[in-house]
Amino acid sequence: MAIIKSLRKRGFTLVELMIVVVIIGILAALAIYGVQKYVTNSKSAEARMAVGRMSKDAAAYFEAEKMAGTTLTVGSSVGVSRQLCPSAAEAIPDTLKDEGVKFQPGASQWNDSAGWTCLNFSMTQPIYFQYHYVSDGTTTGAADDGDGYTAFAQARLGGTVKKIYQNANVTGSGTDLQLLVAPALCEQEGSPATPTVVNDCTSL
C-alpha cells in the first residue's frame, strides 16, 4: 500500500520534461515546414495555370492557318505559313514585387503589347507572379526551324525567387513545320531572371 502511495506522489523528472519539450519542438518545426510548403504551393498554382494557358494559346496560334492578306496578281498563288506570336513588349508587372505582395493588373496593360494581344491572354485578378512571354516570332514573318517561345512567371516566395516556365521549339522546314512543346513545366528557385527563348530547364 505504501508503494502505491509513493508512486502516486512521484512527478516527472527533468530529463522526462526535456524529452517532451524536444518532441514538441520537432513536431512544431515539421508543422511549420509543412504549412510553409502548402502556402508556397497554393501561391504557385496561380502561375502554373497561367503559364500553361499562355503556352496553349501560343501553340494554338501557331497551328492556325495563316495567309498573306494582300491581293494577288493574276496567275500567282500564296501558301499557308505558320507563325509564332511575337514577344510581349514588357513583363506584367514591370518589376518583381516583394514577397507576399499582390499586384492588380489593368486591362490596358495586356492590350499595349502585340505579344499579349496575339495570345489573347490577360489576368484581371490580383496576382503574386510577374508574367512574361518571349518569342522568336514577328507580327508578319513565318516561323523557321529553331524558332521558339518561352512562357514565363516568377515571384518571391519562401525567401527565394520561384520561376515557372514552359518552352517550345519549331522544327522542320517550309510548310512541314512542327511545334514541339515541352511536356511539363520547368520549376526553379534562385535569383530573378530575364526570360529568353530556351529549350531546357536549366537556362534561366
N, C-alpha and C. Protein backbone atom coordinates (compact mmCIF):
# COMPACT_ATOMS: atom_id res chain seq x y z
N MET A 1 0.84 -1.21 0.00
CA MET A 1 0.00 0.00 0.00
C MET A 1 0.87 1.26 0.00
N ALA A 2 1.93 1.22 0.76
CA ALA A 2 2.85 2.35 0.83
C ALA A 2 3.54 2.58 -0.51
N ILE A 3 3.82 1.48 -1.27
CA ILE A 3 4.46 1.58 -2.57
C ILE A 3 3.54 2.30 -3.55
N ILE A 4 2.27 1.97 -3.55
CA ILE A 4 1.29 2.60 -4.44
C ILE A 4 1.18 4.09 -4.15
N LYS A 5 1.17 4.47 -2.86
CA LYS A 5 1.09 5.88 -2.50
C LYS A 5 2.32 6.65 -2.97
N SER A 6 3.49 6.02 -2.84
CA SER A 6 4.71 6.70 -3.27
C SER A 6 4.74 6.89 -4.78
N LEU A 7 4.20 5.94 -5.53
CA LEU A 7 4.13 6.06 -6.97
C LEU A 7 3.20 7.19 -7.39
N ARG A 8 2.09 7.33 -6.63
CA ARG A 8 1.14 8.39 -6.97
C ARG A 8 1.74 9.78 -6.71
N LYS A 9 2.59 9.92 -5.72
CA LYS A 9 3.19 11.20 -5.39
C LYS A 9 4.36 11.55 -6.32
N ARG A 10 4.91 10.57 -7.03
CA ARG A 10 6.09 10.81 -7.88
C ARG A 10 5.73 11.68 -9.08
N GLY A 11 6.54 12.75 -9.37
CA GLY A 11 6.31 13.62 -10.52
C GLY A 11 7.23 13.28 -11.67
N PHE A 12 7.27 14.18 -12.68
CA PHE A 12 8.16 13.99 -13.82
C PHE A 12 9.57 14.45 -13.46
N THR A 13 10.53 13.74 -13.97
CA THR A 13 11.93 14.16 -13.78
C THR A 13 12.27 15.23 -14.82
N LEU A 14 13.38 15.93 -14.60
CA LEU A 14 13.82 16.96 -15.52
C LEU A 14 14.13 16.37 -16.90
N VAL A 15 14.69 15.18 -16.91
CA VAL A 15 15.02 14.52 -18.18
C VAL A 15 13.75 14.22 -18.97
N GLU A 16 12.73 13.74 -18.30
CA GLU A 16 11.47 13.43 -18.98
C GLU A 16 10.84 14.69 -19.54
N LEU A 17 10.88 15.78 -18.79
CA LEU A 17 10.32 17.04 -19.28
C LEU A 17 11.09 17.55 -20.48
N MET A 18 12.43 17.40 -20.46
CA MET A 18 13.24 17.84 -21.59
C MET A 18 12.94 17.03 -22.84
N ILE A 19 12.72 15.73 -22.67
CA ILE A 19 12.37 14.88 -23.81
C ILE A 19 11.05 15.32 -24.42
N VAL A 20 10.08 15.64 -23.57
CA VAL A 20 8.77 16.10 -24.05
C VAL A 20 8.92 17.42 -24.81
N VAL A 21 9.73 18.35 -24.28
CA VAL A 21 9.94 19.63 -24.94
C VAL A 21 10.60 19.44 -26.30
N VAL A 22 11.60 18.55 -26.38
CA VAL A 22 12.27 18.27 -27.65
C VAL A 22 11.29 17.70 -28.67
N ILE A 23 10.46 16.76 -28.24
CA ILE A 23 9.47 16.16 -29.16
C ILE A 23 8.50 17.22 -29.66
N ILE A 24 8.03 18.08 -28.77
CA ILE A 24 7.11 19.15 -29.19
C ILE A 24 7.79 20.09 -30.16
N GLY A 25 9.08 20.40 -29.91
CA GLY A 25 9.82 21.27 -30.82
C GLY A 25 9.96 20.68 -32.21
N ILE A 26 10.26 19.37 -32.27
CA ILE A 26 10.38 18.69 -33.57
C ILE A 26 9.06 18.71 -34.31
N LEU A 27 7.97 18.40 -33.60
CA LEU A 27 6.65 18.41 -34.23
C LEU A 27 6.27 19.81 -34.72
N ALA A 28 6.62 20.83 -33.94
CA ALA A 28 6.31 22.21 -34.35
C ALA A 28 7.10 22.59 -35.59
N ALA A 29 8.38 22.19 -35.63
CA ALA A 29 9.20 22.51 -36.81
C ALA A 29 8.65 21.83 -38.06
N LEU A 30 8.25 20.57 -37.92
CA LEU A 30 7.66 19.85 -39.06
C LEU A 30 6.35 20.51 -39.50
N ALA A 31 5.57 20.95 -38.53
CA ALA A 31 4.29 21.59 -38.86
C ALA A 31 4.52 22.91 -39.59
N ILE A 32 5.49 23.71 -39.10
CA ILE A 32 5.78 24.99 -39.75
C ILE A 32 6.27 24.77 -41.17
N TYR A 33 7.15 23.79 -41.36
CA TYR A 33 7.66 23.49 -42.71
C TYR A 33 6.52 23.06 -43.63
N GLY A 34 5.63 22.21 -43.10
CA GLY A 34 4.51 21.75 -43.92
C GLY A 34 3.58 22.87 -44.31
N VAL A 35 3.32 23.79 -43.38
CA VAL A 35 2.45 24.92 -43.67
C VAL A 35 3.09 25.84 -44.70
N GLN A 36 4.40 26.12 -44.53
CA GLN A 36 5.09 26.99 -45.49
C GLN A 36 5.07 26.37 -46.90
N LYS A 37 5.30 25.07 -46.97
CA LYS A 37 5.28 24.39 -48.27
C LYS A 37 3.90 24.43 -48.88
N TYR A 38 2.88 24.25 -48.06
CA TYR A 38 1.49 24.31 -48.56
C TYR A 38 1.16 25.71 -49.09
N VAL A 39 1.58 26.75 -48.35
CA VAL A 39 1.30 28.13 -48.77
C VAL A 39 2.01 28.43 -50.09
N THR A 40 3.30 28.01 -50.19
CA THR A 40 4.06 28.24 -51.41
C THR A 40 3.41 27.55 -52.60
N ASN A 41 3.00 26.29 -52.41
CA ASN A 41 2.35 25.55 -53.50
C ASN A 41 1.03 26.17 -53.90
N SER A 42 0.28 26.67 -52.92
CA SER A 42 -1.01 27.28 -53.25
C SER A 42 -0.82 28.56 -54.05
N LYS A 43 0.22 29.35 -53.72
CA LYS A 43 0.50 30.56 -54.48
C LYS A 43 1.05 30.22 -55.87
N SER A 44 1.84 29.15 -55.96
CA SER A 44 2.42 28.75 -57.24
C SER A 44 1.37 28.21 -58.20
N ALA A 45 0.24 27.76 -57.67
CA ALA A 45 -0.83 27.24 -58.54
C ALA A 45 -1.30 28.31 -59.51
N GLU A 46 -1.30 29.56 -59.08
CA GLU A 46 -1.67 30.68 -59.96
C GLU A 46 -0.77 30.69 -61.21
N ALA A 47 0.55 30.60 -60.98
CA ALA A 47 1.50 30.68 -62.09
C ALA A 47 1.43 29.44 -62.98
N ARG A 48 1.27 28.27 -62.39
CA ARG A 48 1.20 27.04 -63.20
C ARG A 48 0.03 27.11 -64.17
N MET A 49 -1.11 27.57 -63.67
CA MET A 49 -2.29 27.66 -64.52
C MET A 49 -2.08 28.71 -65.62
N ALA A 50 -1.53 29.87 -65.24
CA ALA A 50 -1.35 30.96 -66.21
C ALA A 50 -0.32 30.61 -67.27
N VAL A 51 0.81 30.04 -66.87
CA VAL A 51 1.86 29.68 -67.83
C VAL A 51 1.35 28.59 -68.78
N GLY A 52 0.63 27.62 -68.26
CA GLY A 52 0.06 26.59 -69.12
C GLY A 52 -0.91 27.17 -70.13
N ARG A 53 -1.69 28.15 -69.69
CA ARG A 53 -2.65 28.78 -70.60
C ARG A 53 -1.94 29.60 -71.67
N MET A 54 -0.90 30.35 -71.29
CA MET A 54 -0.11 31.12 -72.25
C MET A 54 0.48 30.21 -73.31
N SER A 55 1.05 29.09 -72.87
CA SER A 55 1.69 28.17 -73.79
C SER A 55 0.68 27.54 -74.75
N LYS A 56 -0.48 27.18 -74.24
CA LYS A 56 -1.52 26.60 -75.10
C LYS A 56 -2.03 27.62 -76.11
N ASP A 57 -2.17 28.86 -75.68
CA ASP A 57 -2.62 29.91 -76.61
C ASP A 57 -1.58 30.14 -77.71
N ALA A 58 -0.29 30.12 -77.33
CA ALA A 58 0.78 30.30 -78.32
C ALA A 58 0.81 29.14 -79.31
N ALA A 59 0.61 27.92 -78.81
CA ALA A 59 0.60 26.74 -79.68
C ALA A 59 -0.61 26.77 -80.61
N ALA A 60 -1.75 27.20 -80.09
CA ALA A 60 -2.96 27.27 -80.92
C ALA A 60 -2.78 28.29 -82.04
N TYR A 61 -2.15 29.41 -81.74
CA TYR A 61 -1.91 30.42 -82.77
C TYR A 61 -0.99 29.87 -83.86
N PHE A 62 0.03 29.12 -83.45
CA PHE A 62 0.96 28.54 -84.43
C PHE A 62 0.24 27.55 -85.35
N GLU A 63 -0.66 26.76 -84.79
CA GLU A 63 -1.34 25.72 -85.59
C GLU A 63 -2.41 26.30 -86.52
N ALA A 64 -2.89 27.50 -86.22
CA ALA A 64 -3.91 28.10 -87.08
C ALA A 64 -3.29 28.48 -88.42
N GLU A 65 -4.05 28.32 -89.49
CA GLU A 65 -3.53 28.62 -90.83
C GLU A 65 -3.43 30.13 -91.04
N LYS A 66 -2.26 30.57 -91.48
CA LYS A 66 -2.04 31.98 -91.76
C LYS A 66 -1.77 32.14 -93.26
N MET A 67 -2.25 33.23 -93.81
CA MET A 67 -2.04 33.51 -95.23
C MET A 67 -1.96 35.02 -95.42
N ALA A 68 -1.14 35.45 -96.34
CA ALA A 68 -0.97 36.88 -96.59
C ALA A 68 -2.31 37.54 -96.92
N GLY A 69 -2.51 38.75 -96.38
CA GLY A 69 -3.78 39.45 -96.60
C GLY A 69 -3.77 40.38 -97.78
N THR A 70 -2.67 40.41 -98.52
CA THR A 70 -2.60 41.29 -99.69
C THR A 70 -3.21 40.60 -100.91
N THR A 71 -3.66 41.41 -101.88
CA THR A 71 -4.23 40.83 -103.10
C THR A 71 -3.13 40.20 -103.95
N LEU A 72 -3.50 39.23 -104.75
CA LEU A 72 -2.56 38.52 -105.61
C LEU A 72 -2.71 39.00 -107.05
N THR A 73 -1.63 38.97 -107.75
CA THR A 73 -1.72 39.26 -109.18
C THR A 73 -2.30 38.04 -109.89
N VAL A 74 -2.87 38.26 -111.05
CA VAL A 74 -3.48 37.17 -111.80
C VAL A 74 -2.43 36.10 -112.11
N GLY A 75 -2.80 34.86 -111.81
CA GLY A 75 -1.91 33.74 -112.10
C GLY A 75 -0.93 33.41 -110.99
N SER A 76 -0.88 34.24 -109.93
CA SER A 76 0.04 33.95 -108.81
C SER A 76 -0.69 33.21 -107.70
N SER A 77 0.05 32.73 -106.75
CA SER A 77 -0.55 31.98 -105.64
C SER A 77 0.21 32.27 -104.36
N VAL A 78 -0.38 31.90 -103.25
CA VAL A 78 0.26 32.07 -101.96
C VAL A 78 -0.06 30.85 -101.10
N GLY A 79 0.89 30.42 -100.30
CA GLY A 79 0.69 29.25 -99.47
C GLY A 79 0.43 29.61 -98.02
N VAL A 80 0.07 28.60 -97.27
CA VAL A 80 -0.17 28.76 -95.84
C VAL A 80 1.17 28.79 -95.12
N SER A 81 1.28 29.65 -94.12
CA SER A 81 2.51 29.70 -93.32
C SER A 81 2.17 29.58 -91.84
N ARG A 82 3.13 29.11 -91.08
CA ARG A 82 2.99 29.00 -89.63
C ARG A 82 3.70 30.19 -88.99
N GLN A 83 3.07 30.75 -87.98
CA GLN A 83 3.66 31.91 -87.30
C GLN A 83 3.62 31.72 -85.79
N LEU A 84 4.58 32.33 -85.12
CA LEU A 84 4.59 32.39 -83.66
C LEU A 84 4.16 33.79 -83.23
N CYS A 85 3.45 33.87 -82.13
CA CYS A 85 3.13 35.19 -81.58
C CYS A 85 4.43 35.92 -81.24
N PRO A 86 4.50 37.21 -81.51
CA PRO A 86 5.71 37.96 -81.16
C PRO A 86 5.86 38.10 -79.65
N SER A 87 7.03 38.49 -79.21
CA SER A 87 7.27 38.67 -77.77
C SER A 87 6.41 39.79 -77.21
N ALA A 88 6.04 39.64 -75.93
CA ALA A 88 5.38 40.75 -75.23
C ALA A 88 6.42 41.84 -74.98
N ALA A 89 6.02 43.08 -75.14
CA ALA A 89 6.98 44.19 -75.00
C ALA A 89 7.53 44.28 -73.59
N GLU A 90 6.68 44.04 -72.59
CA GLU A 90 7.10 44.16 -71.20
C GLU A 90 6.47 43.07 -70.35
N ALA A 91 7.16 42.78 -69.24
CA ALA A 91 6.57 41.88 -68.25
C ALA A 91 5.47 42.62 -67.49
N ILE A 92 4.53 41.87 -66.94
CA ILE A 92 3.46 42.44 -66.13
C ILE A 92 3.43 41.71 -64.78
N PRO A 93 3.65 42.46 -63.67
CA PRO A 93 4.04 43.87 -63.59
C PRO A 93 5.47 44.08 -64.09
N ASP A 94 5.86 45.32 -64.30
CA ASP A 94 7.17 45.60 -64.90
C ASP A 94 8.32 45.33 -63.93
N THR A 95 8.05 45.30 -62.62
CA THR A 95 9.08 44.98 -61.63
C THR A 95 8.60 43.84 -60.74
N LEU A 96 9.56 43.05 -60.27
CA LEU A 96 9.24 41.93 -59.38
C LEU A 96 8.87 42.48 -58.01
N LYS A 97 7.71 42.08 -57.50
CA LYS A 97 7.23 42.61 -56.23
C LYS A 97 7.84 41.86 -55.04
N ASP A 98 7.78 42.48 -53.87
CA ASP A 98 8.27 41.83 -52.65
C ASP A 98 7.40 40.64 -52.29
N GLU A 99 7.96 39.76 -51.47
CA GLU A 99 7.22 38.56 -51.08
C GLU A 99 5.93 38.93 -50.33
N GLY A 100 4.85 38.24 -50.67
CA GLY A 100 3.58 38.48 -50.01
C GLY A 100 2.79 39.65 -50.56
N VAL A 101 3.32 40.31 -51.60
CA VAL A 101 2.64 41.47 -52.19
C VAL A 101 1.95 41.06 -53.47
N LYS A 102 0.69 41.45 -53.62
CA LYS A 102 -0.06 41.18 -54.85
C LYS A 102 -0.15 42.45 -55.69
N PHE A 103 -0.23 42.24 -57.01
CA PHE A 103 -0.33 43.36 -57.95
C PHE A 103 -1.65 43.25 -58.71
N GLN A 104 -2.32 44.38 -58.85
CA GLN A 104 -3.57 44.42 -59.61
C GLN A 104 -3.31 44.93 -61.02
N PRO A 105 -3.28 44.03 -62.03
CA PRO A 105 -3.05 44.49 -63.41
C PRO A 105 -4.30 45.16 -63.98
N GLY A 106 -4.08 46.06 -64.91
CA GLY A 106 -5.18 46.70 -65.60
C GLY A 106 -5.38 46.10 -66.97
N ALA A 107 -6.58 46.17 -67.49
CA ALA A 107 -6.88 45.59 -68.80
C ALA A 107 -6.03 46.20 -69.89
N SER A 108 -5.76 47.51 -69.78
CA SER A 108 -4.99 48.19 -70.83
C SER A 108 -3.55 47.67 -70.91
N GLN A 109 -3.01 47.18 -69.79
CA GLN A 109 -1.63 46.68 -69.80
C GLN A 109 -1.46 45.47 -70.72
N TRP A 110 -2.48 44.63 -70.76
CA TRP A 110 -2.42 43.44 -71.61
C TRP A 110 -2.66 43.78 -73.07
N ASN A 111 -3.23 44.96 -73.33
CA ASN A 111 -3.53 45.36 -74.72
C ASN A 111 -2.45 46.24 -75.33
N ASP A 112 -1.45 46.63 -74.52
CA ASP A 112 -0.41 47.53 -75.01
C ASP A 112 0.67 46.82 -75.81
N SER A 113 0.65 45.50 -75.82
CA SER A 113 1.72 44.74 -76.48
C SER A 113 1.13 43.79 -77.52
N ALA A 114 1.78 43.72 -78.69
CA ALA A 114 1.32 42.80 -79.73
C ALA A 114 1.40 41.36 -79.26
N GLY A 115 2.38 41.07 -78.39
CA GLY A 115 2.53 39.71 -77.89
C GLY A 115 1.34 39.26 -77.07
N TRP A 116 0.95 40.07 -76.06
CA TRP A 116 -0.20 39.71 -75.23
C TRP A 116 -1.48 39.69 -76.05
N THR A 117 -1.62 40.63 -76.97
CA THR A 117 -2.82 40.69 -77.81
C THR A 117 -2.91 39.45 -78.69
N CYS A 118 -1.78 39.04 -79.26
CA CYS A 118 -1.76 37.85 -80.11
C CYS A 118 -2.16 36.61 -79.32
N LEU A 119 -1.66 36.51 -78.10
CA LEU A 119 -2.01 35.36 -77.26
C LEU A 119 -3.44 35.43 -76.76
N ASN A 120 -4.01 36.63 -76.81
CA ASN A 120 -5.34 36.86 -76.24
C ASN A 120 -5.35 36.49 -74.76
N PHE A 121 -4.25 36.86 -74.09
CA PHE A 121 -4.05 36.49 -72.68
C PHE A 121 -4.18 37.72 -71.80
N SER A 122 -4.86 37.57 -70.68
CA SER A 122 -4.94 38.63 -69.68
C SER A 122 -5.35 38.03 -68.35
N MET A 123 -5.03 38.75 -67.28
CA MET A 123 -5.44 38.35 -65.93
C MET A 123 -6.00 39.61 -65.26
N THR A 124 -7.20 39.50 -64.75
CA THR A 124 -7.86 40.67 -64.18
C THR A 124 -7.86 40.68 -62.66
N GLN A 125 -7.50 39.56 -62.03
CA GLN A 125 -7.47 39.49 -60.58
C GLN A 125 -6.08 39.81 -60.06
N PRO A 126 -5.94 40.20 -58.77
CA PRO A 126 -4.61 40.47 -58.20
C PRO A 126 -3.70 39.25 -58.33
N ILE A 127 -2.43 39.46 -58.66
CA ILE A 127 -1.50 38.37 -58.94
C ILE A 127 -0.25 38.49 -58.08
N TYR A 128 0.31 37.33 -57.69
CA TYR A 128 1.57 37.28 -56.96
C TYR A 128 2.76 37.32 -57.92
N PHE A 129 2.60 36.70 -59.10
CA PHE A 129 3.71 36.48 -60.01
C PHE A 129 3.84 37.58 -61.06
N GLN A 130 5.06 37.73 -61.55
CA GLN A 130 5.34 38.57 -62.70
C GLN A 130 5.33 37.66 -63.94
N TYR A 131 4.64 38.10 -65.01
CA TYR A 131 4.49 37.26 -66.20
C TYR A 131 5.16 37.89 -67.41
N HIS A 132 5.75 37.01 -68.23
CA HIS A 132 6.40 37.48 -69.45
C HIS A 132 6.28 36.39 -70.52
N TYR A 133 6.33 36.82 -71.76
CA TYR A 133 6.31 35.89 -72.90
C TYR A 133 7.34 36.37 -73.91
N VAL A 134 8.30 35.52 -74.23
CA VAL A 134 9.33 35.87 -75.21
C VAL A 134 9.30 34.87 -76.36
N SER A 135 9.56 35.36 -77.56
CA SER A 135 9.40 34.54 -78.75
C SER A 135 10.33 35.01 -79.86
N ASP A 136 10.64 34.10 -80.78
CA ASP A 136 11.39 34.46 -81.99
C ASP A 136 10.47 34.95 -83.09
N GLY A 137 9.17 34.93 -82.85
CA GLY A 137 8.20 35.29 -83.89
C GLY A 137 8.08 36.79 -84.09
N THR A 138 7.49 37.16 -85.20
CA THR A 138 7.19 38.56 -85.51
C THR A 138 5.71 38.64 -85.88
N THR A 139 5.24 39.86 -86.08
CA THR A 139 3.82 40.03 -86.40
C THR A 139 3.48 39.54 -87.80
N THR A 140 4.47 39.44 -88.68
CA THR A 140 4.18 39.05 -90.07
C THR A 140 5.03 37.88 -90.56
N GLY A 141 6.22 37.69 -90.01
CA GLY A 141 7.13 36.68 -90.55
C GLY A 141 6.74 35.26 -90.21
N ALA A 142 7.02 34.35 -91.14
CA ALA A 142 6.75 32.93 -90.92
C ALA A 142 7.81 32.35 -89.99
N ALA A 143 7.43 31.34 -89.22
CA ALA A 143 8.36 30.68 -88.32
C ALA A 143 9.38 29.85 -89.10
N ASP A 144 10.55 29.70 -88.53
CA ASP A 144 11.61 28.91 -89.14
C ASP A 144 12.08 27.83 -88.17
N ASP A 145 12.80 26.87 -88.72
CA ASP A 145 13.39 25.81 -87.90
C ASP A 145 14.28 26.44 -86.82
N GLY A 146 14.09 26.03 -85.58
CA GLY A 146 14.90 26.57 -84.48
C GLY A 146 14.26 27.70 -83.72
N ASP A 147 13.20 28.31 -84.28
CA ASP A 147 12.47 29.34 -83.55
C ASP A 147 11.74 28.72 -82.36
N GLY A 148 11.29 29.55 -81.46
CA GLY A 148 10.54 29.02 -80.32
C GLY A 148 9.99 30.11 -79.44
N TYR A 149 9.43 29.71 -78.29
CA TYR A 149 8.93 30.68 -77.32
C TYR A 149 9.11 30.14 -75.91
N THR A 150 9.04 31.03 -74.94
CA THR A 150 9.06 30.67 -73.53
C THR A 150 7.98 31.48 -72.82
N ALA A 151 7.04 30.79 -72.20
CA ALA A 151 6.03 31.42 -71.35
C ALA A 151 6.57 31.37 -69.92
N PHE A 152 6.62 32.51 -69.24
CA PHE A 152 7.44 32.61 -68.03
C PHE A 152 6.71 33.35 -66.91
N ALA A 153 6.96 32.90 -65.67
CA ALA A 153 6.44 33.58 -64.48
C ALA A 153 7.46 33.46 -63.36
N GLN A 154 7.55 34.51 -62.54
CA GLN A 154 8.44 34.44 -61.38
C GLN A 154 7.89 35.30 -60.25
N ALA A 155 8.20 34.89 -59.01
CA ALA A 155 7.76 35.64 -57.83
C ALA A 155 8.66 35.30 -56.66
N ARG A 156 8.71 36.20 -55.69
CA ARG A 156 9.46 35.93 -54.47
C ARG A 156 8.58 35.14 -53.52
N LEU A 157 8.99 33.91 -53.23
CA LEU A 157 8.23 33.03 -52.35
C LEU A 157 9.20 32.25 -51.45
N GLY A 158 8.89 32.17 -50.18
CA GLY A 158 9.69 31.36 -49.27
C GLY A 158 11.14 31.78 -49.16
N GLY A 159 11.40 33.08 -49.29
CA GLY A 159 12.76 33.56 -49.16
C GLY A 159 13.62 33.42 -50.40
N THR A 160 13.05 32.97 -51.50
CA THR A 160 13.78 32.85 -52.75
C THR A 160 12.89 33.30 -53.91
N VAL A 161 13.39 33.21 -55.13
CA VAL A 161 12.58 33.55 -56.30
C VAL A 161 12.15 32.26 -56.98
N LYS A 162 10.86 32.06 -57.07
CA LYS A 162 10.29 30.88 -57.72
C LYS A 162 10.05 31.21 -59.19
N LYS A 163 10.61 30.39 -60.10
CA LYS A 163 10.46 30.60 -61.53
C LYS A 163 9.75 29.40 -62.14
N ILE A 164 8.69 29.66 -62.89
CA ILE A 164 7.91 28.62 -63.54
C ILE A 164 7.77 29.01 -65.02
N TYR A 165 8.14 28.10 -65.91
CA TYR A 165 8.06 28.43 -67.33
C TYR A 165 7.89 27.18 -68.18
N GLN A 166 7.47 27.40 -69.43
CA GLN A 166 7.32 26.31 -70.40
C GLN A 166 7.88 26.75 -71.74
N ASN A 167 8.61 25.85 -72.37
CA ASN A 167 9.30 26.14 -73.62
C ASN A 167 8.67 25.41 -74.79
N ALA A 168 8.91 25.93 -75.98
CA ALA A 168 8.51 25.26 -77.22
C ALA A 168 9.48 25.66 -78.33
N ASN A 169 9.76 24.73 -79.23
CA ASN A 169 10.66 24.98 -80.35
C ASN A 169 10.08 24.47 -81.65
N VAL A 170 10.38 25.17 -82.73
CA VAL A 170 9.90 24.80 -84.06
C VAL A 170 10.96 23.93 -84.73
N THR A 171 10.50 22.87 -85.38
CA THR A 171 11.40 22.02 -86.14
C THR A 171 10.80 21.77 -87.52
N GLY A 172 11.66 21.49 -88.50
CA GLY A 172 11.19 21.25 -89.86
C GLY A 172 11.52 22.42 -90.77
N SER A 173 10.93 22.41 -91.95
CA SER A 173 11.18 23.48 -92.92
C SER A 173 9.98 23.66 -93.83
N GLY A 174 9.91 24.83 -94.46
CA GLY A 174 8.83 25.11 -95.41
C GLY A 174 7.46 24.99 -94.77
N THR A 175 6.61 24.23 -95.45
CA THR A 175 5.26 24.02 -94.92
C THR A 175 5.21 22.84 -93.95
N ASP A 176 6.35 22.13 -93.80
CA ASP A 176 6.41 20.96 -92.92
C ASP A 176 7.04 21.34 -91.58
N LEU A 177 6.44 22.33 -90.92
CA LEU A 177 6.93 22.78 -89.63
C LEU A 177 6.11 22.16 -88.51
N GLN A 178 6.78 21.85 -87.41
CA GLN A 178 6.10 21.28 -86.25
C GLN A 178 6.57 22.00 -85.00
N LEU A 179 5.63 22.32 -84.13
CA LEU A 179 5.96 22.98 -82.87
C LEU A 179 6.06 21.93 -81.78
N LEU A 180 7.24 21.82 -81.18
CA LEU A 180 7.47 20.86 -80.11
C LEU A 180 7.38 21.57 -78.77
N VAL A 181 6.30 21.30 -78.04
CA VAL A 181 6.07 21.94 -76.74
C VAL A 181 6.57 21.02 -75.64
N ALA A 182 7.29 21.58 -74.67
CA ALA A 182 7.78 20.79 -73.55
C ALA A 182 6.61 20.10 -72.85
N PRO A 183 6.76 18.81 -72.51
CA PRO A 183 5.63 18.07 -71.93
C PRO A 183 5.28 18.47 -70.50
N ALA A 184 6.14 19.24 -69.84
CA ALA A 184 5.86 19.66 -68.46
C ALA A 184 6.44 21.03 -68.22
N LEU A 185 5.99 21.67 -67.16
CA LEU A 185 6.51 22.97 -66.78
C LEU A 185 7.87 22.82 -66.10
N CYS A 186 8.74 23.79 -66.33
CA CYS A 186 10.02 23.86 -65.61
C CYS A 186 9.80 24.69 -64.35
N GLU A 187 10.36 24.23 -63.23
CA GLU A 187 10.27 24.98 -61.98
C GLU A 187 11.66 25.09 -61.38
N GLN A 188 12.07 26.32 -61.07
CA GLN A 188 13.38 26.58 -60.49
C GLN A 188 13.27 27.59 -59.36
N GLU A 189 14.29 27.59 -58.51
CA GLU A 189 14.40 28.60 -57.46
C GLU A 189 15.79 29.23 -57.56
N GLY A 190 15.88 30.52 -57.26
CA GLY A 190 17.17 31.19 -57.35
C GLY A 190 17.01 32.69 -57.46
N SER A 191 17.82 33.29 -58.31
CA SER A 191 17.80 34.75 -58.50
C SER A 191 16.78 35.14 -59.56
N PRO A 192 16.30 36.38 -59.54
CA PRO A 192 15.39 36.85 -60.60
C PRO A 192 16.04 36.69 -61.97
N ALA A 193 15.24 36.40 -62.98
CA ALA A 193 15.76 36.14 -64.33
C ALA A 193 15.03 36.99 -65.35
N THR A 194 15.75 37.32 -66.41
CA THR A 194 15.15 37.92 -67.60
C THR A 194 14.96 36.79 -68.60
N PRO A 195 13.71 36.43 -68.91
CA PRO A 195 13.48 35.24 -69.74
C PRO A 195 14.00 35.38 -71.16
N THR A 196 14.49 34.29 -71.69
CA THR A 196 14.91 34.19 -73.08
C THR A 196 14.29 32.92 -73.65
N VAL A 197 14.33 32.78 -74.97
CA VAL A 197 13.81 31.56 -75.59
C VAL A 197 14.82 30.44 -75.33
N VAL A 198 14.39 29.43 -74.59
CA VAL A 198 15.26 28.31 -74.25
C VAL A 198 14.55 27.01 -74.60
N ASN A 199 15.29 25.89 -74.56
CA ASN A 199 14.68 24.60 -74.84
C ASN A 199 14.96 23.57 -73.76
N ASP A 200 15.35 24.05 -72.57
CA ASP A 200 15.58 23.13 -71.45
C ASP A 200 15.19 23.82 -70.15
N CYS A 201 15.41 23.12 -69.03
CA CYS A 201 15.00 23.64 -67.71
C CYS A 201 16.18 24.12 -66.89
N THR A 202 17.31 24.42 -67.53
CA THR A 202 18.49 24.81 -66.76
C THR A 202 19.06 26.14 -67.21
N SER A 203 18.40 26.83 -68.10
CA SER A 203 18.98 28.04 -68.69
C SER A 203 18.57 29.34 -68.01
N LEU A 204 17.56 29.33 -67.15
CA LEU A 204 17.09 30.57 -66.54
C LEU A 204 17.44 30.61 -65.05
